[in-house]
Protein backbone atom coordinates (compact mmCIF):
# COMPACT_ATOMS: atom_id res chain seq x y z
CA MET A 1 -0.11 0.15 -0.19
CA THR A 2 1.48 3.38 -0.96
CA LEU A 3 -0.07 6.89 0.15
CA ARG A 4 1.20 10.32 -1.64
CA THR A 5 0.59 13.60 -0.94
CA GLY A 6 1.91 15.45 -3.89
CA LEU A 7 3.58 17.85 -1.56
CA THR A 8 6.55 19.26 -2.69
CA GLY A 9 8.84 21.25 -0.35
CA LYS A 10 10.84 24.75 -1.28
CA ALA A 11 14.71 24.64 -2.26
CA GLY A 12 17.01 24.69 0.30
CA LYS A 13 17.08 22.72 3.68
CA LYS A 14 17.24 19.19 2.97
CA PRO A 15 14.02 17.23 3.77
CA VAL A 16 13.91 14.85 6.87
CA THR A 17 13.21 11.26 6.21
CA ILE A 18 11.51 9.19 9.25
CA TYR A 19 10.96 5.71 8.57
CA LEU A 20 8.51 3.64 10.88
CA LEU A 21 9.30 -0.23 11.73
CA ARG A 22 6.83 -1.98 13.24
CA HIS A 23 8.66 -4.99 15.37
CA ALA A 24 8.67 -8.37 13.99
CA HIS A 25 6.19 -10.98 14.48
CA SER A 26 6.16 -11.75 18.23
CA GLN A 27 5.23 -14.34 20.39
CA ALA A 28 2.03 -12.60 21.25
CA ASN A 29 0.89 -12.37 17.90
CA ASN A 30 1.49 -15.77 17.66
CA GLN A 31 -1.23 -16.34 20.36
CA GLY A 32 -3.56 -13.76 20.14
CA ILE A 33 -2.73 -11.83 23.16
CA LEU A 34 -2.51 -7.81 23.41
CA ALA A 35 0.95 -7.67 24.89
CA GLY A 36 1.18 -4.13 25.81
CA ARG A 37 4.29 -3.46 27.99
CA LYS A 38 4.55 -7.03 29.82
CA SER A 39 7.90 -7.92 29.81
CA GLY A 40 9.51 -11.17 28.47
CA ILE A 41 7.19 -11.15 25.20
CA LYS A 42 9.93 -11.68 22.37
CA LEU A 43 9.99 -12.63 18.51
CA SER A 44 8.56 -15.96 17.54
CA ALA A 45 10.52 -18.06 14.72
CA ARG A 46 8.99 -16.43 12.24
CA GLY A 47 9.77 -12.85 13.67
CA ARG A 48 13.50 -13.85 14.22
CA LYS A 49 13.45 -14.85 10.49
CA GLU A 50 12.03 -11.45 9.34
CA ALA A 51 14.33 -9.21 11.53
CA THR A 52 17.41 -11.20 9.69
CA ASP A 53 15.29 -10.09 6.24
CA LEU A 54 14.99 -6.75 7.24
CA ILE A 55 19.02 -6.40 7.05
CA ALA A 56 18.60 -6.46 3.28
CA SER A 57 15.70 -4.21 3.54
CA LEU A 58 17.19 -1.55 5.74
CA GLN A 59 20.90 -1.08 4.39
CA SER A 60 20.31 1.01 1.23
CA LEU A 61 18.15 3.74 3.22
CA GLY A 62 20.77 5.83 4.30
CA ILE A 63 19.81 6.04 8.40
CA GLU A 64 21.38 7.66 10.94
CA GLU A 65 19.96 7.15 13.90
CA ILE A 66 17.56 4.63 14.98
CA HIS A 67 14.66 5.04 18.19
CA SER A 68 13.54 2.20 19.38
CA SER A 69 10.54 1.46 21.78
CA PRO A 70 12.68 -0.29 25.05
CA LEU A 71 10.48 -3.16 24.82
CA GLU A 72 12.38 -6.70 23.87
CA ARG A 73 10.49 -7.60 20.46
CA CYS A 74 11.52 -3.96 19.16
CA LEU A 75 14.94 -4.59 20.14
CA GLU A 76 15.04 -7.96 18.92
CA THR A 77 13.79 -6.80 15.56
CA ILE A 78 16.60 -3.80 15.07
CA ALA A 79 19.60 -6.65 16.53
CA PRO A 80 20.36 -8.11 13.12
CA PHE A 81 20.42 -4.81 11.24
CA SER A 82 22.25 -3.18 14.42
CA THR A 83 24.93 -5.65 14.17
CA HIS A 84 25.60 -5.19 10.24
CA ALA A 85 25.50 -1.47 10.97
CA SER A 86 27.26 -1.19 14.14
CA ALA A 87 28.32 2.47 13.44
CA ILE A 88 24.68 3.54 13.70
CA PRO A 89 23.35 4.54 16.90
CA VAL A 90 20.33 2.77 18.75
CA ILE A 91 18.20 4.96 21.17
CA GLN A 92 15.85 3.42 23.39
CA ASP A 93 12.69 5.64 23.17
CA GLU A 94 9.98 6.12 25.52
CA ALA A 95 7.89 8.19 23.31
CA PHE A 96 7.65 5.25 20.85
CA ILE A 97 7.06 2.72 23.39
CA GLU A 98 3.78 0.24 23.12
CA MET A 99 0.00 1.34 24.64
CA HIS A 100 -0.59 1.23 28.61
CA TYR A 101 -3.46 -1.28 28.11
CA GLY A 102 -3.69 -1.48 31.54
CA GLU A 103 -5.53 -4.11 32.94
CA TRP A 104 -5.93 -5.29 29.34
CA SER A 105 -2.32 -6.16 28.87
CA GLY A 106 -1.46 -10.02 28.10
CA SER A 107 -5.50 -11.01 27.79
CA LYS A 108 -6.63 -12.69 24.22
CA LEU A 109 -8.04 -10.71 22.03
CA SER A 110 -10.86 -12.71 21.49
CA ILE A 111 -11.84 -12.43 24.96
CA LEU A 112 -11.37 -8.82 25.02
CA SER A 113 -13.19 -8.19 22.18
CA ARG A 114 -16.84 -9.39 23.90
CA LYS A 115 -16.23 -6.60 26.75
CA LYS A 116 -18.46 -3.70 26.55
CA LEU A 117 -15.44 -1.00 26.06
CA TRP A 118 -14.51 -2.93 22.90
CA LYS A 119 -17.41 -1.07 20.62
CA LEU A 120 -16.05 2.81 21.70
CA ILE A 121 -12.47 1.32 20.99
CA GLN A 122 -13.61 0.23 17.64
CA GLN A 123 -16.10 3.83 17.25
CA HIS A 124 -14.64 6.36 18.87
CA PRO A 125 -10.81 5.64 20.23
CA SER A 126 -10.64 9.06 21.10
CA GLU A 127 -12.69 8.79 24.25
CA VAL A 128 -10.84 5.18 25.74
CA ARG A 129 -8.90 4.95 28.33
CA PHE A 130 -7.61 1.54 29.45
CA PRO A 131 -8.64 0.41 32.52
CA SER A 132 -5.53 1.33 34.88
CA GLY A 133 -3.64 2.16 31.45
CA GLU A 134 -3.06 5.05 28.96
CA SER A 135 -5.82 6.78 26.93
CA PHE A 136 -5.33 6.94 23.23
CA LEU A 137 -5.05 10.59 23.36
CA GLU A 138 -2.21 10.45 25.63
CA MET A 139 -0.58 7.78 23.47
CA SER A 140 -0.97 9.98 20.31
CA THR A 141 0.52 13.23 22.20
CA ARG A 142 3.54 11.15 23.47
CA ALA A 143 4.01 9.52 19.58
CA ILE A 144 3.52 12.73 17.46
CA GLU A 145 5.63 14.69 20.16
CA GLY A 146 8.50 12.42 19.72
CA ILE A 147 8.24 12.52 15.61
CA GLU A 148 8.34 16.32 15.93
CA ARG A 149 11.42 15.76 17.86
CA LEU A 150 12.98 13.95 15.44
CA ARG A 151 11.77 16.15 12.80
CA GLN A 152 13.61 18.77 14.31
CA ARG A 153 17.14 16.71 14.67
CA GLY A 154 17.35 16.28 11.32
CA ARG A 155 18.99 13.05 9.53
CA THR A 156 17.52 10.27 8.29
CA GLN A 157 16.29 8.12 10.97
CA LEU A 158 14.76 4.80 11.90
CA VAL A 159 11.73 4.32 14.62
CA VAL A 160 11.02 1.08 15.51
CA SER A 161 7.46 0.51 17.28
CA HIS A 162 4.23 -1.07 17.76
CA GLY A 163 1.37 -1.26 15.17
CA ASP A 164 -0.62 1.06 17.32
CA VAL A 165 1.41 3.58 17.73
CA ILE A 166 2.99 3.65 13.89
CA ARG A 167 -0.90 3.64 12.96
CA VAL A 168 -1.72 6.78 14.94
CA ILE A 169 1.39 8.70 13.91
CA LEU A 170 0.63 8.14 10.22
CA ASN A 171 -3.15 8.87 10.58
CA HIS A 172 -1.97 12.33 12.29
CA TYR A 173 0.18 13.13 9.35
CA LEU A 174 -2.48 12.10 7.16
CA GLY A 175 -4.54 14.94 8.46
CA SER A 176 -7.32 12.47 9.67
CA HIS A 177 -9.10 12.41 12.81
CA LEU A 178 -7.87 10.33 16.12
CA ASP A 179 -11.41 7.65 15.68
CA ASN A 180 -10.30 6.98 11.75
CA PHE A 181 -6.48 5.43 12.79
CA GLN A 182 -7.64 2.13 12.88
CA ARG A 183 -8.62 2.16 9.14
CA LEU A 184 -4.92 1.83 8.91
CA SER A 185 -3.18 -1.40 8.55
CA ILE A 186 0.41 -2.13 9.96
CA GLU A 187 1.60 -5.66 9.69
CA PRO A 188 4.53 -6.96 11.57
CA ALA A 189 8.09 -6.16 10.08
CA SER A 190 6.53 -3.23 7.81
CA LEU A 191 7.99 -0.20 6.99
CA SER A 192 6.52 3.40 6.16
CA ARG A 193 7.92 6.36 5.26
CA ILE A 194 7.19 10.13 6.21
CA SER A 195 9.32 13.09 4.87
CA PHE A 196 9.28 16.73 5.92
CA HIS A 197 10.52 19.66 3.94
CA GLU A 198 10.15 22.88 5.82
CA ASP A 199 6.38 23.16 6.82
CA LYS A 200 5.45 20.05 4.13
CA VAL A 201 4.94 16.81 5.12
CA SER A 202 4.78 13.70 2.46
CA ILE A 203 3.70 10.02 3.31
CA HIS A 204 5.69 8.18 1.01
CA SER A 205 4.67 4.81 1.86
CA VAL A 206 2.75 2.71 4.36
CA ASN A 207 2.86 -1.00 5.37
CA VAL A 208 5.68 -2.18 2.65
CA THR A 209 6.65 -5.91 3.82
CA SER A 210 8.43 -8.44 1.49
CA LYS A 211 5.38 -10.67 1.62
CA ILE A 212 3.05 -10.31 -1.53
CA ALA A 213 -0.23 -10.71 0.61
CA GLY A 214 -0.98 -10.46 4.39
CA ASP A 215 -3.89 -10.42 6.77
CA SER A 216 -5.76 -7.28 5.71
CA ARG A 217 -7.58 -6.91 9.19
CA SER A 218 -7.38 -4.03 11.58
CA THR A 219 -7.45 -4.41 15.18
CA LEU A 220 -6.08 -3.67 18.08
CA GLY A 221 -2.43 -3.86 19.08
CA GLY A 222 -1.81 -3.62 15.03
CA GLY A 223 -3.13 -7.33 14.21
CA SER A 224 -0.68 -10.04 14.13
CA GLY A 225 0.04 -10.49 10.47
CA LYS A 226 -1.20 -13.96 10.45
CA ARG A 227 -1.36 -15.88 6.99
């Protein structure tokens, strides 16, 4: 899937490019669990292969810095490339950590989908705060502030994050209301690209993977990408 805005920047200052990488397939994806910030959630066997395969995709992008969610599945995803390109710093960045799903963390999505709150999440997520957790508005605010900080730093950046976080970021720069973010599908190990030039923003690509076909369903947590 590729979206283009058709915007062009002014001559002069070099555009800033930010790539968004969702972590590779995880154990929680395998089990249909909303992992949230639970520790010990690692990549699945499929995810470890995806992480290795990403080396070829990432090495041609001219990445100068990597900002990663501090959770294991994100750090494991970028580790093979980081080993290959050891001169590129990997910065653990709390702005891009998974949403805090509170009491929902670690539960089966099949069970959560039967709760009353689920319908509101699907229709008006901007009004939702997870029990003992974060609101979508709070997550959106910190993630967008993180991107704007990188925008000011310049350079070509890679952000390694999570499905919902990436969808909210892309949705924001597409100029859409927060309630619409779940229209976007972001698969494990997929890349999206945003560029900034002066006051202009362009979405060049969304949800690019090495796979021809994937799970088109878009659900809480970003979906499992099961095929």
